[in-house]
Each structure stands twice: as structure tokens, then as C-alpha cells.
């Protein structure tokens, strides 16, 4: 996957995180199909232009720790009802966006709530179906390596 596609997929996933929930950098990396790329996710989110208005404050590290040099992050999360177990650490048990919620999530812009017990019912494609379709067409590491070998021969 080229870096722009990876960035766009990270943006897409972060955009889907519901109000009151958080995801870790590592979980986002795993959802992209590249579970060892958590640091890349962090670099991408660090450089998000403000006009994109991505809810980056909903991304924390795997233990729930918020960014130490971004004091606004805690206030934004508290305003959304995210619970903290300590001064700098989100209660991941209560507030992490869990797999079963992700797979049944229905974006509801009017109320910004999570629907954990319903299947998607609507005319447009479910966000996670779109994401899964995107992942199905992700080139394999082998095909990327083969492609780079061919470029080297030219």
C-alpha cells in the first residue's frame, strides 16, 4: 500500500470513532491490516492539517495514556464523556471502541451515539463494509516486494 493510501485509511478509521469512545494507535494500525505500524499512525495523526477536522483526540496509546504535550486532549475527551482512571490515562475497559461495536457501528450524526446491539440498516454502505472491501484489495507484501524488484531491473 502506498503511503497516501495508508494515510487515507487511517483518516477514514479515525473519522469513524464515535463520540465517547477511543482507539489506540496500535488498534488503528491493526484495522488497516498493518498491525506493526502504530508509530506510523502516530506520525500521520501528528501531521493532520487542522482544516480536515479529524477527531484525533480520540486516539490514545494502548494503555489509554493521552498525549503528554497536548493538554486540550483531556478536556475534549472529558466533554465527550470519556472516563479516566488516572490523571493522564483513559479507562480503556469502559471507553475503548471494541471490536463488536466496530463491526455493528452505525454512524448517527444527529445524536452521535454508538449502536452496539443493532445491525446496520440503511441504503448506503456500512462504513466497516467499505473498509473491509478496501482491505480485500490491499496489495499483499509479496506483490509489493515483487513490484519493487521489477522497478529495480528497469
C-alpha atoms as a PDB file:
ATOM      1  CA  UNK A   1       0.000   0.000   0.000  1.00  0.00           C
ATOM      2  CA  UNK A   2       1.415   3.365  -0.850  1.00  0.00           C
ATOM      3  CA  UNK A   3       1.797   5.922   1.969  1.00  0.00           C
ATOM      4  CA  UNK A   4      -1.052   8.105   0.712  1.00  0.00           C
ATOM      5  CA  UNK A   5      -3.497   5.175   0.748  1.00  0.00           C
ATOM      6  CA  UNK A   6      -2.341   4.203   4.234  1.00  0.00           C
ATOM      7  CA  UNK A   7      -2.822   7.800   5.418  1.00  0.00           C
ATOM      8  CA  UNK A   8      -6.283   7.967   3.866  1.00  0.00           C
ATOM      9  CA  UNK A   9      -7.283   4.689   5.515  1.00  0.00           C
ATOM     10  CA  UNK A  10      -6.037   5.951   8.906  1.00  0.00           C
ATOM     11  CA  UNK A  11      -8.050   9.155   8.411  1.00  0.00           C
ATOM     12  CA  UNK A  12     -11.087   7.068   7.462  1.00  0.00           C
ATOM     13  CA  UNK A  13     -10.866   4.895  10.572  1.00  0.00           C
ATOM     14  CA  UNK A  14     -10.275   7.839  12.929  1.00  0.00           C
ATOM     15  CA  UNK A  15     -13.230   9.672  11.385  1.00  0.00           C
ATOM     16  CA  UNK A  16     -15.452   6.694  12.365  1.00  0.00           C
ATOM     17  CA  UNK A  17     -14.546   6.684  16.090  1.00  0.00           C
ATOM     18  CA  UNK A  18     -17.785   7.623  17.870  1.00  0.00           C
ATOM     19  CA  UNK A  19     -18.131  10.324  20.491  1.00  0.00           C
ATOM     20  CA  UNK A  20     -17.309   8.895  23.912  1.00  0.00           C
ATOM     21  CA  UNK A  21     -15.022   6.161  22.548  1.00  0.00           C
ATOM     22  CA  UNK A  22     -11.269   5.943  21.917  1.00  0.00           C
ATOM     23  CA  UNK A  23      -8.965   3.734  19.847  1.00  0.00           C
ATOM     24  CA  UNK A  24      -5.270   3.099  20.292  1.00  0.00           C
ATOM     25  CA  UNK A  25      -2.650   3.789  17.642  1.00  0.00           C
ATOM     26  CA  UNK A  26      -1.943   0.052  17.553  1.00  0.00           C
ATOM     27  CA  UNK A  27      -5.593  -0.877  17.095  1.00  0.00           C
ATOM     28  CA  UNK A  28      -5.887   1.576  14.198  1.00  0.00           C
ATOM     29  CA  UNK A  29      -2.761   0.065  12.656  1.00  0.00           C
ATOM     30  CA  UNK A  30      -4.252  -3.421  13.040  1.00  0.00           C
ATOM     31  CA  UNK A  31      -7.519  -2.301  11.414  1.00  0.00           C
ATOM     32  CA  UNK A  32      -5.559  -1.074   8.393  1.00  0.00           C
ATOM     33  CA  UNK A  33      -4.064  -4.522   8.026  1.00  0.00           C
ATOM     34  CA  UNK A  34      -0.620  -3.390   9.186  1.00  0.00           C
ATOM     35  CA  UNK A  35      -0.529  -4.230  12.910  1.00  0.00           C
ATOM     36  CA  UNK A  36       3.132  -3.253  13.344  1.00  0.00           C
ATOM     37  CA  UNK A  37       2.620   0.296  12.096  1.00  0.00           C
ATOM     38  CA  UNK A  38       1.339   2.022  15.260  1.00  0.00           C
ATOM     39  CA  UNK A  39       4.138   4.607  15.122  1.00  0.00           C
ATOM     40  CA  UNK A  40       3.235   5.400  11.520  1.00  0.00           C
ATOM     41  CA  UNK A  41      -0.330   6.040  12.648  1.00  0.00           C
ATOM     42  CA  UNK A  42       1.017   8.426  15.298  1.00  0.00           C
ATOM     43  CA  UNK A  43       3.129  10.304  12.752  1.00  0.00           C
ATOM     44  CA  UNK A  44       0.197  10.582  10.384  1.00  0.00           C
ATOM     45  CA  UNK A  45      -2.098  11.943  13.106  1.00  0.00           C
ATOM     46  CA  UNK A  46       0.564  14.360  14.344  1.00  0.00           C
ATOM     47  CA  UNK A  47       0.637  15.964  10.893  1.00  0.00           C
ATOM     48  CA  UNK A  48      -3.116  16.222  10.210  1.00  0.00           C
ATOM     49  CA  UNK A  49      -3.936  19.661   8.781  1.00  0.00           C
ATOM     50  CA  UNK A  50      -6.465  21.457  11.047  1.00  0.00           C
ATOM     51  CA  UNK A  51      -8.908  22.042   8.185  1.00  0.00           C
ATOM     52  CA  UNK A  52      -9.527  18.277   7.930  1.00  0.00           C
ATOM     53  CA  UNK A  53     -11.160  18.364  11.393  1.00  0.00           C
ATOM     54  CA  UNK A  54     -10.287  14.785  12.310  1.00  0.00           C
ATOM     55  CA  UNK A  55     -11.167  13.710  15.892  1.00  0.00           C
ATOM     56  CA  UNK A  56      -7.521  12.869  16.684  1.00  0.00           C
ATOM     57  CA  UNK A  57      -8.199  13.473  20.379  1.00  0.00           C
ATOM     58  CA  UNK A  58      -9.994  10.089  20.398  1.00  0.00           C
ATOM     59  CA  UNK A  59      -6.717   8.258  19.728  1.00  0.00           C
ATOM     60  CA  UNK A  60      -4.583   7.201  22.696  1.00  0.00           C
ATOM     61  CA  UNK A  61      -1.799   4.717  23.320  1.00  0.00           C
ATOM     62  CA  UNK A  62      -2.536   1.069  24.026  1.00  0.00           C
ATOM     63  CA  UNK A  63      -2.777   1.606  27.801  1.00  0.00           C
ATOM     64  CA  UNK A  64      -5.070   4.619  27.381  1.00  0.00           C
ATOM     65  CA  UNK A  65      -2.441   7.256  28.016  1.00  0.00           C
ATOM     66  CA  UNK A  66      -3.167  10.584  26.375  1.00  0.00           C
ATOM     67  CA  UNK A  67      -0.562  12.768  24.653  1.00  0.00           C
ATOM     68  CA  UNK A  68       1.587  14.409  27.355  1.00  0.00           C
ATOM     69  CA  UNK A  69       2.146  17.622  25.392  1.00  0.00           C
ATOM     70  CA  UNK A  70      -1.456  18.172  24.302  1.00  0.00           C
ATOM     71  CA  UNK A  71      -3.393  19.399  27.347  1.00  0.00           C
ATOM     72  CA  UNK A  72      -6.544  20.070  25.292  1.00  0.00           C
ATOM     73  CA  UNK A  73      -6.922  16.351  24.558  1.00  0.00           C
ATOM     74  CA  UNK A  74      -8.126  15.550  28.077  1.00  0.00           C
ATOM     75  CA  UNK A  75     -10.661  18.380  28.049  1.00  0.00           C
ATOM     76  CA  UNK A  76     -12.022  17.304  24.659  1.00  0.00           C
ATOM     77  CA  UNK A  77     -12.390  13.700  25.858  1.00  0.00           C
ATOM     78  CA  UNK A  78     -13.996  14.719  29.155  1.00  0.00           C
ATOM     79  CA  UNK A  79     -16.500  16.872  27.242  1.00  0.00           C
ATOM     80  CA  UNK A  80     -17.482  13.737  25.282  1.00  0.00           C
ATOM     81  CA  UNK A  81     -17.989  11.701  28.445  1.00  0.00           C
ATOM     82  CA  UNK A  82     -14.790   9.638  28.258  1.00  0.00           C
ATOM     83  CA  UNK A  83     -13.839   8.275  31.684  1.00  0.00           C
ATOM     84  CA  UNK A  84     -10.322   8.497  33.095  1.00  0.00           C
ATOM     85  CA  UNK A  85      -8.781   6.028  35.518  1.00  0.00           C
ATOM     86  CA  UNK A  86      -5.947   8.430  36.371  1.00  0.00           C
ATOM     87  CA  UNK A  87      -4.864  11.961  35.517  1.00  0.00           C
ATOM     88  CA  UNK A  88      -3.412  11.078  32.102  1.00  0.00           C
ATOM     89  CA  UNK A  89      -4.987   7.690  31.369  1.00  0.00           C
ATOM     90  CA  UNK A  90      -8.346   6.864  29.784  1.00  0.00           C
ATOM     91  CA  UNK A  91     -10.294   3.947  31.227  1.00  0.00           C
ATOM     92  CA  UNK A  92      -9.852   1.636  28.237  1.00  0.00           C
ATOM     93  CA  UNK A  93     -12.098  -1.024  29.732  1.00  0.00           C
ATOM     94  CA  UNK A  94     -15.017   1.417  29.698  1.00  0.00           C
ATOM     95  CA  UNK A  95     -14.200   3.648  26.737  1.00  0.00           C
ATOM     96  CA  UNK A  96     -12.254   1.727  24.090  1.00  0.00           C
ATOM     97  CA  UNK A  97     -14.165   1.201  20.863  1.00  0.00           C
ATOM     98  CA  UNK A  98     -14.458  -2.586  20.961  1.00  0.00           C
ATOM     99  CA  UNK A  99     -14.429  -4.978  18.019  1.00  0.00           C
ATOM    100  CA  UNK A 100     -18.097  -5.940  18.382  1.00  0.00           C
ATOM    101  CA  UNK A 101     -19.048  -2.253  18.371  1.00  0.00           C
ATOM    102  CA  UNK A 102     -16.872  -1.514  15.355  1.00  0.00           C
ATOM    103  CA  UNK A 103     -18.451  -4.258  13.279  1.00  0.00           C
ATOM    104  CA  UNK A 104     -22.035  -3.159  14.077  1.00  0.00           C
ATOM    105  CA  UNK A 105     -21.444   0.597  14.199  1.00  0.00           C
ATOM    106  CA  UNK A 106     -23.997   2.839  12.552  1.00  0.00           C
ATOM    107  CA  UNK A 107     -22.969   6.477  12.242  1.00  0.00           C
ATOM    108  CA  UNK A 108     -25.731   8.671  13.590  1.00  0.00           C
ATOM    109  CA  UNK A 109     -24.729  12.278  13.010  1.00  0.00           C
ATOM    110  CA  UNK A 110     -27.831  13.664  14.714  1.00  0.00           C
ATOM    111  CA  UNK A 111     -27.166  12.065  18.099  1.00  0.00           C
ATOM    112  CA  UNK A 112     -23.531  10.892  17.766  1.00  0.00           C
ATOM    113  CA  UNK A 113     -24.192   7.707  19.701  1.00  0.00           C
ATOM    114  CA  UNK A 114     -22.918   4.163  19.448  1.00  0.00           C
ATOM    115  CA  UNK A 115     -25.224   1.368  18.400  1.00  0.00           C
ATOM    116  CA  UNK A 116     -23.720  -1.805  19.824  1.00  0.00           C
ATOM    117  CA  UNK A 117     -26.728  -4.075  19.557  1.00  0.00           C
ATOM    118  CA  UNK A 118     -28.096  -3.403  16.103  1.00  0.00           C
ATOM    119  CA  UNK A 119     -27.118  -4.374  12.602  1.00  0.00           C
ATOM    120  CA  UNK A 120     -26.729  -1.647  10.017  1.00  0.00           C
ATOM    121  CA  UNK A 121     -29.982  -0.887   8.247  1.00  0.00           C
ATOM    122  CA  UNK A 122     -29.778   1.681   5.521  1.00  0.00           C
ATOM    123  CA  UNK A 123     -29.347   2.274   1.860  1.00  0.00           C
ATOM    124  CA  UNK A 124     -25.734   3.386   1.967  1.00  0.00           C
ATOM    125  CA  UNK A 125     -22.843   1.044   2.580  1.00  0.00           C
ATOM    126  CA  UNK A 126     -21.851   0.453   6.202  1.00  0.00           C
ATOM    127  CA  UNK A 127     -18.508   2.160   6.957  1.00  0.00           C
ATOM    128  CA  UNK A 128     -16.874  -1.077   8.039  1.00  0.00           C
ATOM    129  CA  UNK A 129     -18.076  -2.888   4.889  1.00  0.00           C
ATOM    130  CA  UNK A 130     -16.375  -0.198   2.838  1.00  0.00           C
ATOM    131  CA  UNK A 131     -13.282  -0.597   4.963  1.00  0.00           C
ATOM    132  CA  UNK A 132     -13.317  -4.404   4.655  1.00  0.00           C
ATOM    133  CA  UNK A 133     -13.692  -4.106   0.875  1.00  0.00           C
ATOM    134  CA  UNK A 134     -10.737  -1.723   0.847  1.00  0.00           C
ATOM    135  CA  UNK A 135      -8.672  -4.251   2.844  1.00  0.00           C
ATOM    136  CA  UNK A 136      -9.575  -7.085   0.458  1.00  0.00           C
ATOM    137  CA  UNK A 137      -7.988  -5.147  -2.393  1.00  0.00           C
ATOM    138  CA  UNK A 138      -4.892  -4.157  -0.401  1.00  0.00           C
ATOM    139  CA  UNK A 139      -1.862  -5.480  -2.241  1.00  0.00           C
ATOM    140  CA  UNK A 140      -0.013  -8.191  -0.379  1.00  0.00           C
ATOM    141  CA  UNK A 141       3.505  -7.617   0.909  1.00  0.00           C
ATOM    142  CA  UNK A 142       4.732 -10.225  -1.594  1.00  0.00           C
ATOM    143  CA  UNK A 143       3.233  -8.371  -4.552  1.00  0.00           C
ATOM    144  CA  UNK A 144       4.714  -5.076  -3.331  1.00  0.00           C
ATOM    145  CA  UNK A 145       8.165  -6.668  -2.992  1.00  0.00           C
ATOM    146  CA  UNK A 146       7.835  -8.225  -6.448  1.00  0.00           C
ATOM    147  CA  UNK A 147       6.835  -4.858  -7.907  1.00  0.00           C
ATOM    148  CA  UNK A 148       9.844  -3.129  -6.311  1.00  0.00           C
ATOM    149  CA  UNK A 149      12.186  -5.839  -7.738  1.00  0.00           C
ATOM    150  CA  UNK A 150      10.790  -5.211 -11.216  1.00  0.00           C
ATOM    151  CA  UNK A 151      11.307  -1.447 -10.852  1.00  0.00           C
ATOM    152  CA  UNK A 152      14.929  -2.089  -9.835  1.00  0.00           C
ATOM    153  CA  UNK A 153      15.587  -4.058 -13.057  1.00  0.00           C
ATOM    154  CA  UNK A 154      14.355  -1.286 -15.364  1.00  0.00           C
END
